[in-house]
């Protein structure tokens, strides 16, 4: 089967790509298709995140493990597209380049039969240009702690200057 997927840049200006890709492709192959469709070099770290209907992030599926001790972490090359993107869970978040934080919303639009003679992945539709720099992000904290008020003075702390 073929997945028709819309990948939308998280920005004020509408910028998206509609791709067709085989459901049995790995997330790494999907990552490569996205980077090519948007004109990225594809040399930066990236990750997919499973999410709920409200786009709340859940499991991270990175391009490669950042820590050798991370056992049980699914990697893009080991995870098939149809394992994480289904009709029941049609949304994911994709982040490319963790320093720039290019953030995309990924949504399964349709599942269709494979067409003979067509090469996949395939860019169906391209709308909008990628900006020169990633859109600014503002992150909200659930914490209401004012760190300036938590420690009155460092002089009040029991601190041994010769601790090592």
N, C-alpha and C. Protein backbone atom coordinates (compact mmCIF):
# COMPACT_ATOMS: atom_id res chain seq x y z
N UNK A 1 0.84 -1.18 0.00
CA UNK A 1 0.00 0.00 0.00
C UNK A 1 0.89 1.25 0.00
N UNK A 2 0.29 2.34 -0.45
CA UNK A 2 0.99 3.62 -0.53
C UNK A 2 0.35 4.61 0.43
N UNK A 3 1.20 5.27 1.21
CA UNK A 3 0.73 6.31 2.11
C UNK A 3 0.85 7.66 1.39
N UNK A 4 -0.21 8.44 1.45
CA UNK A 4 -0.17 9.83 1.01
C UNK A 4 -0.11 10.66 2.29
N UNK A 5 0.97 11.44 2.42
CA UNK A 5 1.26 12.13 3.67
C UNK A 5 1.52 13.61 3.39
N UNK A 6 0.95 14.46 4.23
CA UNK A 6 1.22 15.90 4.16
C UNK A 6 2.21 16.25 5.27
N UNK A 7 3.27 16.97 4.90
CA UNK A 7 4.29 17.43 5.84
C UNK A 7 4.23 18.95 5.83
N UNK A 8 3.87 19.56 6.98
CA UNK A 8 3.63 20.99 7.08
C UNK A 8 4.67 21.62 8.00
N UNK A 9 5.35 22.65 7.49
CA UNK A 9 6.30 23.40 8.31
C UNK A 9 5.53 24.19 9.36
N UNK A 10 5.99 24.14 10.61
CA UNK A 10 5.38 24.90 11.68
C UNK A 10 5.83 26.36 11.56
N UNK A 11 5.09 27.14 10.77
CA UNK A 11 5.42 28.54 10.50
C UNK A 11 4.14 29.30 10.20
N UNK A 12 4.24 30.62 10.21
CA UNK A 12 3.06 31.44 9.90
C UNK A 12 2.68 31.32 8.43
N UNK A 13 3.66 31.33 7.55
CA UNK A 13 3.40 31.19 6.11
C UNK A 13 3.19 29.72 5.78
N UNK A 14 2.17 29.43 5.00
CA UNK A 14 1.89 28.05 4.61
C UNK A 14 3.03 27.50 3.75
N UNK A 15 3.63 26.42 4.24
CA UNK A 15 4.67 25.72 3.50
C UNK A 15 4.48 24.24 3.79
N UNK A 16 4.17 23.46 2.74
CA UNK A 16 3.98 22.04 2.95
C UNK A 16 4.32 21.25 1.69
N UNK A 17 4.50 19.95 1.88
CA UNK A 17 4.73 19.02 0.78
C UNK A 17 3.81 17.83 1.00
N UNK A 18 3.24 17.33 -0.10
CA UNK A 18 2.46 16.10 -0.07
C UNK A 18 3.31 15.02 -0.73
N UNK A 19 3.56 13.95 0.01
CA UNK A 19 4.39 12.86 -0.48
C UNK A 19 3.61 11.56 -0.56
N UNK A 20 4.01 10.72 -1.49
CA UNK A 20 3.56 9.34 -1.53
C UNK A 20 4.78 8.49 -1.20
N UNK A 21 4.58 7.50 -0.34
CA UNK A 21 5.67 6.62 0.04
C UNK A 21 5.09 5.25 0.41
N UNK A 22 5.86 4.22 0.19
CA UNK A 22 5.39 2.86 0.49
C UNK A 22 5.32 2.67 2.00
N UNK A 23 4.25 2.03 2.45
CA UNK A 23 4.03 1.84 3.89
C UNK A 23 5.12 1.01 4.55
N UNK A 24 5.82 0.20 3.78
CA UNK A 24 6.88 -0.65 4.32
C UNK A 24 8.25 0.03 4.35
N UNK A 25 8.33 1.30 3.92
CA UNK A 25 9.59 2.04 4.01
C UNK A 25 9.91 2.32 5.47
N UNK A 26 11.19 2.44 5.76
CA UNK A 26 11.61 2.78 7.12
C UNK A 26 11.42 4.28 7.35
N UNK A 27 11.43 4.68 8.61
CA UNK A 27 11.37 6.11 8.92
C UNK A 27 12.61 6.83 8.41
N UNK A 28 13.73 6.13 8.31
CA UNK A 28 14.94 6.75 7.74
C UNK A 28 14.72 7.09 6.27
N UNK A 29 14.08 6.20 5.53
CA UNK A 29 13.77 6.47 4.13
C UNK A 29 12.78 7.63 4.01
N UNK A 30 11.82 7.69 4.93
CA UNK A 30 10.87 8.79 4.96
C UNK A 30 11.58 10.10 5.29
N UNK A 31 12.47 10.07 6.26
CA UNK A 31 13.30 11.24 6.61
C UNK A 31 14.05 11.74 5.38
N UNK A 32 14.66 10.84 4.62
CA UNK A 32 15.40 11.22 3.40
C UNK A 32 14.47 11.86 2.37
N UNK A 33 13.26 11.32 2.23
CA UNK A 33 12.29 11.89 1.29
C UNK A 33 11.87 13.30 1.72
N UNK A 34 11.70 13.52 3.02
CA UNK A 34 11.32 14.84 3.52
C UNK A 34 12.44 15.84 3.28
N UNK A 35 13.67 15.47 3.61
CA UNK A 35 14.79 16.40 3.44
C UNK A 35 14.95 16.78 1.97
N UNK A 36 14.78 15.83 1.07
CA UNK A 36 14.88 16.12 -0.36
C UNK A 36 13.72 17.01 -0.82
N UNK A 37 12.52 16.73 -0.35
CA UNK A 37 11.34 17.50 -0.77
C UNK A 37 11.42 18.96 -0.33
N UNK A 38 12.07 19.22 0.81
CA UNK A 38 12.18 20.59 1.31
C UNK A 38 13.52 21.24 0.96
N UNK A 39 14.42 20.49 0.34
CA UNK A 39 15.69 21.07 -0.10
C UNK A 39 16.77 21.14 0.97
N UNK A 40 16.67 20.33 2.01
CA UNK A 40 17.72 20.26 3.01
C UNK A 40 18.85 19.37 2.51
N UNK A 41 20.04 19.57 3.05
CA UNK A 41 21.19 18.73 2.69
C UNK A 41 21.04 17.31 3.25
N UNK A 42 20.33 17.18 4.35
CA UNK A 42 20.14 15.87 4.95
C UNK A 42 21.28 15.44 5.84
N UNK A 43 22.13 16.37 6.24
CA UNK A 43 23.31 16.03 7.03
C UNK A 43 23.14 16.30 8.53
N UNK A 44 21.99 16.81 8.94
CA UNK A 44 21.77 17.15 10.34
C UNK A 44 20.99 16.05 11.06
N UNK A 45 21.10 16.04 12.37
CA UNK A 45 20.35 15.10 13.20
C UNK A 45 18.86 15.41 13.08
N UNK A 46 18.06 14.37 13.18
CA UNK A 46 16.61 14.52 13.07
C UNK A 46 15.93 13.45 13.91
N UNK A 47 14.64 13.68 14.17
CA UNK A 47 13.86 12.69 14.91
C UNK A 47 12.39 12.84 14.57
N UNK A 48 11.70 11.71 14.64
CA UNK A 48 10.25 11.70 14.56
C UNK A 48 9.73 11.52 15.98
N UNK A 49 8.54 12.03 16.23
CA UNK A 49 7.89 11.86 17.52
C UNK A 49 6.47 11.39 17.28
N UNK A 50 6.10 10.31 17.91
CA UNK A 50 4.70 9.93 17.85
C UNK A 50 3.95 10.96 18.68
N UNK A 51 2.67 11.13 18.39
CA UNK A 51 1.88 12.12 19.12
C UNK A 51 0.41 11.75 19.08
N UNK A 52 -0.36 12.46 19.89
CA UNK A 52 -1.80 12.21 19.93
C UNK A 52 -2.50 13.15 18.95
N UNK A 53 -3.82 13.15 18.99
CA UNK A 53 -4.62 13.98 18.08
C UNK A 53 -4.39 15.47 18.28
N UNK A 54 -3.95 15.86 19.47
CA UNK A 54 -3.71 17.28 19.79
C UNK A 54 -2.26 17.68 19.55
N UNK A 55 -1.48 16.82 18.92
CA UNK A 55 -0.06 17.05 18.60
C UNK A 55 0.82 17.05 19.84
N UNK A 56 0.40 16.39 20.92
CA UNK A 56 1.24 16.27 22.12
C UNK A 56 2.26 15.17 21.88
N UNK A 57 3.51 15.54 21.99
CA UNK A 57 4.64 14.67 21.71
C UNK A 57 4.68 13.48 22.65
N UNK A 58 5.08 12.31 22.09
CA UNK A 58 5.20 11.10 22.90
C UNK A 58 6.58 10.50 22.68
N UNK A 59 6.67 9.36 22.05
CA UNK A 59 7.93 8.64 21.87
C UNK A 59 8.82 9.29 20.80
N UNK A 60 10.10 9.42 21.13
CA UNK A 60 11.08 9.91 20.16
C UNK A 60 11.65 8.74 19.38
N UNK A 61 11.77 8.90 18.07
CA UNK A 61 12.42 7.90 17.21
C UNK A 61 13.50 8.64 16.44
N UNK A 62 14.74 8.63 16.96
CA UNK A 62 15.82 9.41 16.37
C UNK A 62 16.46 8.73 15.16
N UNK A 63 17.25 9.52 14.44
CA UNK A 63 18.01 9.01 13.31
C UNK A 63 19.05 8.00 13.79
N UNK A 64 19.74 8.34 14.88
CA UNK A 64 20.65 7.39 15.52
C UNK A 64 20.70 7.69 17.01
N UNK A 65 21.14 6.69 17.78
CA UNK A 65 21.18 6.83 19.23
C UNK A 65 22.26 7.82 19.64
N UNK A 66 21.91 8.72 20.52
CA UNK A 66 22.86 9.72 21.01
C UNK A 66 23.73 9.15 22.13
N UNK A 67 23.23 8.12 22.79
CA UNK A 67 23.92 7.53 23.92
C UNK A 67 23.96 6.03 23.73
N UNK A 68 25.14 5.44 23.86
CA UNK A 68 25.28 3.99 23.67
C UNK A 68 24.50 3.19 24.70
N UNK A 69 24.16 3.81 25.82
CA UNK A 69 23.44 3.11 26.89
C UNK A 69 21.93 3.10 26.66
N UNK A 70 21.47 3.73 25.59
CA UNK A 70 20.04 3.78 25.33
C UNK A 70 19.56 2.49 24.69
N UNK A 71 19.21 1.53 25.52
CA UNK A 71 18.67 0.29 24.98
C UNK A 71 17.16 0.41 24.94
N UNK A 72 16.57 -0.21 23.96
CA UNK A 72 15.13 -0.15 23.82
C UNK A 72 14.63 1.05 23.06
N UNK A 73 15.52 1.94 22.64
CA UNK A 73 15.12 3.10 21.85
C UNK A 73 14.97 2.67 20.40
N UNK A 74 13.82 2.97 19.82
CA UNK A 74 13.62 2.66 18.41
C UNK A 74 14.35 3.70 17.57
N UNK A 75 15.01 3.24 16.53
CA UNK A 75 15.72 4.13 15.62
C UNK A 75 14.98 4.16 14.29
N UNK A 76 15.20 5.22 13.52
CA UNK A 76 14.52 5.37 12.24
C UNK A 76 14.75 4.20 11.30
N UNK A 77 16.00 3.72 11.23
CA UNK A 77 16.29 2.64 10.27
C UNK A 77 15.70 1.31 10.69
N UNK A 78 15.26 1.19 11.94
CA UNK A 78 14.68 -0.06 12.44
C UNK A 78 13.15 0.00 12.54
N UNK A 79 12.57 1.15 12.21
CA UNK A 79 11.13 1.34 12.41
C UNK A 79 10.45 1.58 11.07
N UNK A 80 9.46 0.75 10.78
CA UNK A 80 8.72 0.91 9.53
C UNK A 80 7.66 1.99 9.69
N UNK A 81 7.39 2.66 8.60
CA UNK A 81 6.40 3.74 8.59
C UNK A 81 5.04 3.26 9.11
N UNK A 82 4.60 2.07 8.65
CA UNK A 82 3.28 1.59 9.05
C UNK A 82 3.24 1.07 10.49
N UNK A 83 4.38 1.05 11.18
CA UNK A 83 4.40 0.71 12.60
C UNK A 83 4.01 1.90 13.48
N UNK A 84 4.21 3.11 12.97
CA UNK A 84 3.96 4.30 13.79
C UNK A 84 2.91 5.24 13.21
N UNK A 85 2.66 5.14 11.92
CA UNK A 85 1.70 6.02 11.26
C UNK A 85 0.59 5.14 10.69
N UNK A 86 -0.60 5.24 11.30
CA UNK A 86 -1.71 4.39 10.90
C UNK A 86 -2.98 5.23 10.85
N UNK A 87 -4.06 4.63 10.37
CA UNK A 87 -5.34 5.34 10.36
C UNK A 87 -5.78 5.69 11.78
N UNK A 88 -5.44 4.84 12.73
CA UNK A 88 -5.80 5.10 14.13
C UNK A 88 -4.90 6.16 14.77
N UNK A 89 -3.64 6.25 14.31
CA UNK A 89 -2.67 7.25 14.80
C UNK A 89 -2.05 7.94 13.59
N UNK A 90 -2.79 8.89 12.99
CA UNK A 90 -2.35 9.46 11.72
C UNK A 90 -1.38 10.64 11.81
N UNK A 91 -0.91 10.99 13.03
CA UNK A 91 -0.08 12.18 13.18
C UNK A 91 1.27 11.86 13.81
N UNK A 92 2.29 12.62 13.36
CA UNK A 92 3.62 12.58 13.95
C UNK A 92 4.21 13.99 13.86
N UNK A 93 5.24 14.20 14.63
CA UNK A 93 6.02 15.44 14.55
C UNK A 93 7.40 15.05 14.06
N UNK A 94 7.96 15.87 13.18
CA UNK A 94 9.31 15.63 12.64
C UNK A 94 10.14 16.87 12.91
N UNK A 95 11.32 16.68 13.50
CA UNK A 95 12.23 17.79 13.75
C UNK A 95 13.54 17.50 13.03
N UNK A 96 13.95 18.49 12.24
CA UNK A 96 15.21 18.39 11.50
C UNK A 96 16.16 19.46 12.02
N UNK A 97 17.39 19.07 12.32
CA UNK A 97 18.45 19.96 12.78
C UNK A 97 18.11 20.52 14.16
N UNK A 98 18.57 19.84 15.19
CA UNK A 98 18.23 20.21 16.56
C UNK A 98 18.78 21.56 16.98
N UNK A 99 19.74 22.12 16.27
CA UNK A 99 20.22 23.46 16.58
C UNK A 99 19.27 24.52 16.03
N UNK A 100 18.71 24.24 14.85
CA UNK A 100 17.79 25.19 14.22
C UNK A 100 16.32 24.89 14.53
N UNK A 101 16.02 23.64 14.86
CA UNK A 101 14.67 23.21 15.23
C UNK A 101 13.63 23.44 14.13
N UNK A 102 13.93 22.99 12.91
CA UNK A 102 12.92 22.99 11.86
C UNK A 102 11.87 21.97 12.30
N UNK A 103 10.65 22.41 12.54
CA UNK A 103 9.61 21.54 13.07
C UNK A 103 8.49 21.38 12.05
N UNK A 104 8.07 20.13 11.85
CA UNK A 104 7.05 19.81 10.86
C UNK A 104 5.97 18.94 11.48
N UNK A 105 4.74 19.19 11.04
CA UNK A 105 3.61 18.34 11.41
C UNK A 105 3.40 17.37 10.25
N UNK A 106 3.34 16.08 10.57
CA UNK A 106 3.20 15.02 9.58
C UNK A 106 1.85 14.37 9.78
N UNK A 107 1.07 14.30 8.70
CA UNK A 107 -0.27 13.72 8.84
C UNK A 107 -0.58 12.80 7.66
N UNK A 108 -1.00 11.59 8.00
CA UNK A 108 -1.44 10.62 7.00
C UNK A 108 -2.76 11.09 6.42
N UNK A 109 -2.80 11.30 5.09
CA UNK A 109 -4.01 11.79 4.44
C UNK A 109 -4.82 10.68 3.81
N UNK A 110 -4.13 9.65 3.27
CA UNK A 110 -4.84 8.59 2.55
C UNK A 110 -3.93 7.38 2.40
N UNK A 111 -4.54 6.22 2.22
CA UNK A 111 -3.82 4.99 1.91
C UNK A 111 -4.42 4.45 0.62
N UNK A 112 -3.57 4.27 -0.40
CA UNK A 112 -4.05 3.86 -1.72
C UNK A 112 -3.23 2.69 -2.24
N UNK A 113 -3.72 2.11 -3.33
CA UNK A 113 -3.00 1.02 -3.98
C UNK A 113 -1.77 1.56 -4.71
N UNK A 114 -0.75 0.76 -4.81
CA UNK A 114 0.47 1.11 -5.54
C UNK A 114 0.16 1.14 -7.03
N UNK A 115 0.65 2.18 -7.72
CA UNK A 115 0.45 2.31 -9.15
C UNK A 115 1.64 1.74 -9.89
N UNK A 116 1.38 0.88 -10.89
CA UNK A 116 2.46 0.33 -11.70
C UNK A 116 3.17 1.45 -12.46
N UNK A 117 4.47 1.37 -12.52
CA UNK A 117 5.25 2.35 -13.26
C UNK A 117 5.59 3.62 -12.51
N UNK A 118 5.04 3.80 -11.32
CA UNK A 118 5.34 4.99 -10.53
C UNK A 118 6.48 4.69 -9.56
N UNK A 119 7.39 5.63 -9.41
CA UNK A 119 8.51 5.50 -8.49
C UNK A 119 8.16 6.16 -7.16
N UNK A 120 8.48 5.48 -6.08
CA UNK A 120 8.22 5.99 -4.74
C UNK A 120 9.53 6.10 -3.98
N UNK A 121 9.67 7.06 -3.08
CA UNK A 121 8.73 8.12 -2.74
C UNK A 121 8.56 9.12 -3.88
N UNK A 122 7.42 9.79 -3.85
CA UNK A 122 7.03 10.70 -4.92
C UNK A 122 6.44 11.97 -4.31
N UNK A 123 6.93 13.13 -4.74
CA UNK A 123 6.35 14.39 -4.29
C UNK A 123 5.13 14.66 -5.15
N UNK A 124 3.96 14.65 -4.53
CA UNK A 124 2.70 14.91 -5.23
C UNK A 124 2.45 16.39 -5.43
N UNK A 125 2.73 17.17 -4.39
CA UNK A 125 2.40 18.58 -4.42
C UNK A 125 3.35 19.34 -3.51
N UNK A 126 3.77 20.50 -3.96
CA UNK A 126 4.67 21.35 -3.19
C UNK A 126 4.07 22.74 -3.11
N UNK A 127 3.93 23.27 -1.89
CA UNK A 127 3.35 24.59 -1.71
C UNK A 127 4.23 25.40 -0.77
N UNK A 128 4.58 26.60 -1.18
CA UNK A 128 5.36 27.50 -0.34
C UNK A 128 6.84 27.22 -0.39
N UNK A 129 7.59 28.26 -0.08
CA UNK A 129 9.05 28.17 -0.05
C UNK A 129 9.54 28.08 1.39
N UNK A 130 10.59 27.31 1.58
CA UNK A 130 11.21 27.21 2.89
C UNK A 130 11.88 28.55 3.20
N UNK A 131 11.64 29.14 4.37
CA UNK A 131 12.30 30.41 4.70
C UNK A 131 13.81 30.21 4.86
N UNK A 132 14.55 31.33 4.82
CA UNK A 132 16.00 31.26 4.96
C UNK A 132 16.42 30.77 6.33
N UNK A 133 15.61 31.04 7.34
CA UNK A 133 15.91 30.61 8.71
C UNK A 133 14.65 29.98 9.29
N UNK A 134 14.83 29.06 10.23
CA UNK A 134 13.65 28.43 10.83
C UNK A 134 12.82 29.44 11.61
N UNK A 135 11.51 29.21 11.66
CA UNK A 135 10.65 30.11 12.44
C UNK A 135 11.04 30.10 13.92
N UNK A 136 10.91 31.27 14.55
CA UNK A 136 11.20 31.40 15.98
C UNK A 136 10.22 30.56 16.79
N UNK A 137 10.71 29.93 17.83
CA UNK A 137 9.87 29.13 18.71
C UNK A 137 9.86 29.76 20.08
N UNK A 138 8.70 29.76 20.72
CA UNK A 138 8.60 30.15 22.12
C UNK A 138 8.12 28.93 22.88
N UNK A 139 8.82 28.63 23.93
CA UNK A 139 8.49 27.46 24.73
C UNK A 139 7.87 27.90 26.04
N UNK A 140 6.76 27.26 26.38
CA UNK A 140 6.06 27.59 27.61
C UNK A 140 6.44 26.59 28.68
N UNK A 141 6.60 27.07 29.87
CA UNK A 141 6.94 26.22 30.99
C UNK A 141 5.69 25.98 31.83
N UNK A 142 5.54 24.76 32.30
CA UNK A 142 4.43 24.45 33.20
C UNK A 142 4.78 24.85 34.62
N UNK A 143 6.04 25.13 34.86
CA UNK A 143 6.50 25.48 36.19
C UNK A 143 6.31 26.97 36.43
N UNK A 144 5.92 27.33 37.63
CA UNK A 144 5.77 28.74 37.98
C UNK A 144 6.83 29.15 39.00
N UNK A 145 7.92 28.41 39.07
CA UNK A 145 8.97 28.70 40.03
C UNK A 145 9.79 29.89 39.53
N UNK A 146 9.99 30.86 40.40
CA UNK A 146 10.86 31.99 40.09
C UNK A 146 12.21 31.66 40.70
N UNK A 147 13.16 31.29 39.86
CA UNK A 147 14.44 30.83 40.36
C UNK A 147 15.24 31.93 41.05
N UNK A 148 14.95 33.18 40.76
CA UNK A 148 15.64 34.26 41.44
C UNK A 148 15.25 34.33 42.92
N UNK A 149 14.05 33.87 43.26
CA UNK A 149 13.57 33.93 44.63
C UNK A 149 13.86 32.66 45.43
N UNK A 150 14.26 31.57 44.78
CA UNK A 150 14.43 30.32 45.50
C UNK A 150 15.68 30.30 46.35
N UNK A 151 16.73 30.97 45.90
CA UNK A 151 17.96 31.04 46.68
C UNK A 151 18.22 32.50 46.98
N UNK A 152 18.08 32.88 48.22
CA UNK A 152 18.24 34.28 48.59
C UNK A 152 19.66 34.77 48.33
N UNK A 153 20.63 34.02 48.81
CA UNK A 153 22.02 34.43 48.64
C UNK A 153 22.87 33.17 48.67
N UNK A 154 23.86 33.13 47.84
CA UNK A 154 24.77 31.98 47.82
C UNK A 154 25.62 31.93 49.09
N UNK A 155 25.75 33.05 49.77
CA UNK A 155 26.52 33.10 51.01
C UNK A 155 25.86 32.28 52.11
N UNK A 156 24.52 32.09 52.01
CA UNK A 156 23.79 31.35 53.02
C UNK A 156 23.94 29.83 52.88
N UNK A 157 24.50 29.38 51.77
CA UNK A 157 24.62 27.95 51.52
C UNK A 157 25.87 27.39 52.17
N UNK A 158 25.80 26.12 52.58
CA UNK A 158 26.95 25.44 53.14
C UNK A 158 27.77 24.90 51.97
N UNK A 159 28.76 25.64 51.57
CA UNK A 159 29.51 25.31 50.35
C UNK A 159 30.99 25.20 50.70
N UNK A 160 31.60 24.07 50.38
CA UNK A 160 33.01 23.84 50.63
C UNK A 160 33.78 24.14 49.36
N UNK A 161 34.57 25.21 49.37
CA UNK A 161 35.31 25.60 48.19
C UNK A 161 36.34 24.55 47.77
N UNK A 162 36.77 23.71 48.68
CA UNK A 162 37.79 22.70 48.39
C UNK A 162 37.17 21.30 48.30
N UNK A 163 36.04 21.20 47.67
CA UNK A 163 35.28 19.95 47.63
C UNK A 163 35.99 18.83 46.89
N UNK A 164 36.87 19.15 45.98
CA UNK A 164 37.54 18.07 45.25
C UNK A 164 38.91 17.93 45.77
